[in-house]
Structures are given as C-alpha cells and as structure tokens.
Amino acid sequence: MSRPLPSPTGTAHPAPVVVDHMPPRRSKVVGSLAALACAACCALPVLITAGVLTGAGAAILEQALLAVAAGLAALALGMWWLHRRRSARRAAATDAGCGCG
C-alpha cells in the first residue's frame, strides 16, 4: 500500500501508484520454457543426423514440442496481460479515491 504524502494544505494524499508494464517473473519463466521448446524443436534435424532419433520419433516429438511451445507462449502472454490488467486496476482504484482535481 502507498504511504500518504503530506501536502501544503495539511491534508494527506496517497502516493501515486505506477502501472507496471514489465512482465512478471512467472511470465518470463514460462516464456523462457517456450523458447527452450522451440530450440529443442530446431535441434531435431541434428539429432536425426547423429542417429539419436529416427525419422518417425522425430516427427512425433516435433508435433509435441510445437504444441507445448505454443501453449507455453499463450500462457506467458496471458499471465502478462492479467498482470497489466490487475496493476492498472489497482492504480485506477488508488487514484479514484484521491479526491484531488
């Protein structure tokens, strides 16, 4: 919660709340996992060439990794959007009760 700031007239006004536009840590973690899944998908041709995977195994793994990466990216964007929405709502609620012009 913000501390009230003294004003020249003697009334206390709450400190302004700043809307945080940066993604939260959990969103960054999920986004990093999505990037890691994309990198693993791009590494599949190298793994096939090295003989670690067969063509059929790589095809199945590729589809799974693409689905996981898309799901994680959507989850990260959703968490960021929710964070911005809550932060803006918190800032609006704090500013609305100020009573100053």
Protein backbone atom coordinates (compact mmCIF):
# COMPACT_ATOMS: atom_id res chain seq x y z
CA MET A 1 0.00 0.00 0.00
CA SER A 2 1.26 3.51 -0.68
CA ARG A 3 2.16 5.92 2.11
CA PRO A 4 0.26 9.22 2.26
CA LEU A 5 2.29 12.24 1.23
CA PRO A 6 1.94 15.49 3.18
CA SER A 7 0.53 18.37 1.16
CA PRO A 8 0.93 22.15 1.66
CA THR A 9 -2.67 22.38 2.89
CA GLY A 10 -2.06 19.79 5.60
CA THR A 11 -4.21 17.02 4.09
CA ALA A 12 -2.56 13.73 3.26
CA HIS A 13 -2.67 12.46 -0.32
CA PRO A 14 -1.72 8.89 -1.19
CA ALA A 15 1.48 8.41 -3.16
CA PRO A 16 0.83 7.89 -6.88
CA VAL A 17 0.67 4.27 -7.97
CA VAL A 18 2.70 3.47 -11.06
CA VAL A 19 1.32 0.92 -13.52
CA ASP A 20 3.88 -1.83 -14.04
CA HIS A 21 4.16 -2.70 -17.75
CA MET A 22 7.01 -5.20 -17.38
CA PRO A 23 6.08 -8.88 -17.45
CA PRO A 24 6.10 -10.64 -14.08
CA ARG A 25 8.77 -13.23 -13.26
CA ARG A 26 6.40 -16.19 -13.75
CA SER A 27 5.59 -14.95 -17.25
CA LYS A 28 9.29 -14.64 -18.07
CA VAL A 29 9.90 -18.20 -16.83
CA VAL A 30 7.07 -19.63 -18.93
CA GLY A 31 8.23 -17.62 -21.95
CA SER A 32 11.75 -18.98 -21.48
CA LEU A 33 10.38 -22.53 -21.38
CA ALA A 34 8.52 -21.85 -24.64
CA ALA A 35 11.76 -20.62 -26.22
CA LEU A 36 13.54 -23.74 -24.95
CA ALA A 37 10.86 -25.96 -26.53
CA CYS A 38 11.33 -24.10 -29.83
CA ALA A 39 15.10 -24.57 -29.61
CA ALA A 40 14.64 -28.28 -28.96
CA CYS A 41 12.38 -28.49 -31.99
CA CYS A 42 15.06 -26.82 -34.12
CA ALA A 43 17.66 -29.28 -32.80
CA LEU A 44 15.71 -32.30 -34.10
CA PRO A 45 17.46 -32.43 -37.53
CA VAL A 46 20.83 -32.55 -35.78
CA LEU A 47 19.62 -35.36 -33.51
CA ILE A 48 18.34 -37.32 -36.53
CA THR A 49 21.66 -36.86 -38.33
CA ALA A 50 23.55 -38.01 -35.26
CA GLY A 51 21.41 -41.13 -35.12
CA VAL A 52 19.89 -40.31 -31.74
CA LEU A 53 16.36 -40.17 -33.16
CA THR A 54 14.61 -41.93 -36.00
CA GLY A 55 12.50 -40.07 -38.53
CA ALA A 56 9.21 -41.30 -37.06
CA GLY A 57 10.25 -40.48 -33.49
CA ALA A 58 11.36 -37.02 -34.57
CA ALA A 59 8.05 -36.36 -36.36
CA ILE A 60 6.07 -37.24 -33.24
CA LEU A 61 8.42 -35.26 -30.99
CA GLU A 62 8.30 -32.27 -33.32
CA GLN A 63 4.50 -32.08 -33.18
CA ALA A 64 4.55 -32.41 -29.39
CA LEU A 65 7.23 -29.75 -28.97
CA LEU A 66 5.39 -27.33 -31.26
CA ALA A 67 2.18 -27.82 -29.28
CA VAL A 68 3.99 -27.35 -25.96
CA ALA A 69 5.79 -24.23 -27.22
CA ALA A 70 2.54 -22.69 -28.50
CA GLY A 71 0.73 -23.48 -25.25
CA LEU A 72 3.52 -22.04 -23.11
CA ALA A 73 3.74 -18.89 -25.23
CA ALA A 74 -0.03 -18.37 -24.92
CA LEU A 75 0.19 -18.95 -21.16
CA ALA A 76 3.05 -16.44 -20.79
CA LEU A 77 1.16 -13.80 -22.77
CA GLY A 78 -2.00 -14.44 -20.74
CA MET A 79 -0.13 -14.05 -17.45
CA TRP A 80 1.45 -10.80 -18.67
CA TRP A 81 -1.93 -9.45 -19.78
CA LEU A 82 -3.51 -10.37 -16.43
CA HIS A 83 -0.62 -8.74 -14.55
CA ARG A 84 -1.01 -5.48 -16.52
CA ARG A 85 -4.78 -5.52 -16.05
CA ARG A 86 -4.52 -6.02 -12.28
CA SER A 87 -1.81 -3.37 -12.00
CA ALA A 88 -3.87 -0.84 -13.97
CA ARG A 89 -6.98 -1.63 -11.95
CA ARG A 90 -5.03 -1.18 -8.71
CA ALA A 91 -3.68 2.16 -9.92
CA ALA A 92 -7.13 3.35 -11.01
CA ALA A 93 -8.68 2.37 -7.69
CA THR A 94 -5.99 4.24 -5.78
CA ASP A 95 -6.28 7.35 -7.95
CA ALA A 96 -10.10 7.38 -7.81
CA GLY A 97 -10.17 7.76 -4.04
CA CYS A 98 -7.82 10.75 -4.07
CA GLY A 99 -10.47 13.45 -4.38
CA CYS A 100 -8.00 15.88 -5.96
CA GLY A 101 -8.75 17.66 -9.21
